[in-house]
């Protein structure tokens, strides 16, 4: 069996959405004929926003996982703020609107001096460890996945030194427009980052993106072709999720639960929902509707939810392990999916949409009609996507789902017999085909 060096910063015990793609590739690559050697950061030196050690069970037995030292600006920033590093590692700029002058200064430093991202201090440690792995036990190809896109700096350096083929896997754009407007990046720094991106990615033997839109956008920016391997869901996760989620209250058994899992940042603020739920007839129209937020929620978003609905209707359950998040998806009456409201939102397909689809529960999304997420929901028959301005459409959708739930004939989600195209196994096999192609070309 051939070996591939898989470079990923986020790996268990790290939690959060950034872990899933790399972890599931590592889990399923062996059955596709490739043994992964994982190159990642040691938890003691990592800047992880959340932890989920339970996901270590997905790492195949006997897999070599090389964990290295690192340095990141969060260490310096934590000292400046007089806090622990774990308390200052943010998720998607949650709480950015409430930043102090120290936080704004730190964001400027990160945006202009740490390129392409705040994990660039990991690169030299990763390269050093990669050299050791190249000597013993050796490998036949390299894959790096980002963000953080610093992983690709390690990938290209090891490809240069070993002469082995290299695949750069992009889960998000480089730089990411979803967060670009939140970073005070100067023109000089932006141009330097783009030059670095183009130079590095053009050296890859294959470049991979998670959506057609991202592939098109990055291909135009870099001047080189991109393949597409979509994200997906792991059937094992859906089957093994507990029946009763963490934080469950028996009183909720009789309620209509609108559930959102994951990070809810200002860019994903479902503003139409607040408008509809604050209307004078909302309490009479949907008396047993409750909102359940599972994960990290920006304070401004939570404030709007409480203002529109009242504390009796809103329940926030802080970050939970992935299995518990899946359990909440399966318990939902309706799953809420706001897409980032930024330039290029038509091409955004959040990673959790596939697990939402696999949960069998109906999805109500906000985004750009006709975009990729809209197409995916229609293709899978999993739910409906509304424009962010469509409050009347939202009211009608809530009426439809609530009435069906009241009549004990709830609206279903995606049919289970059509889920295979969205599985993580297929994703890993697609990557294995690319690896086999570039290694056979070198033979």
Foldseek 3Di string as FASTA:
>chain_A
DFEEEEEEADDPQAFADSHPQSLLLQLQLVVLPYHYAYEYADPVQHQGQGGFNVSVVSHDPPHHHHHWHFHFCLVVLCVVVVHDSNVPRDDLCFQVVVDDPSRLVSLQCQQQPPPPGRRLRCQVRSLVVLVVVCVPPRGAEYEYEDDVPSSLVNQQVSCVVPVHAYEYEYAAARVHQLCPVSGPHDPVRVVVRLVVVLVSVVPHPAYEYAFPLRQVVVCVSNVHGHHHQHAFAAVVLLVPQDLAFPPDDPVLVPAQEAEEEHEAHPLQQLVLVLVLLQDPCNCVLRVRYAYEYEEHYRPVSVVSVCVSHNPVRYHYHYHDHPSSRLSVLLVHLEYEAEFGNGPPSLADDDNCLNSNQQSFHAYEYETDPPGPNQVVQVVQVFYHYDYSVCSVVVVVVCNVQSVCVVVVNGDTGGDNVPSVSRHSSVSSSVVSVVSVVSSVVVD
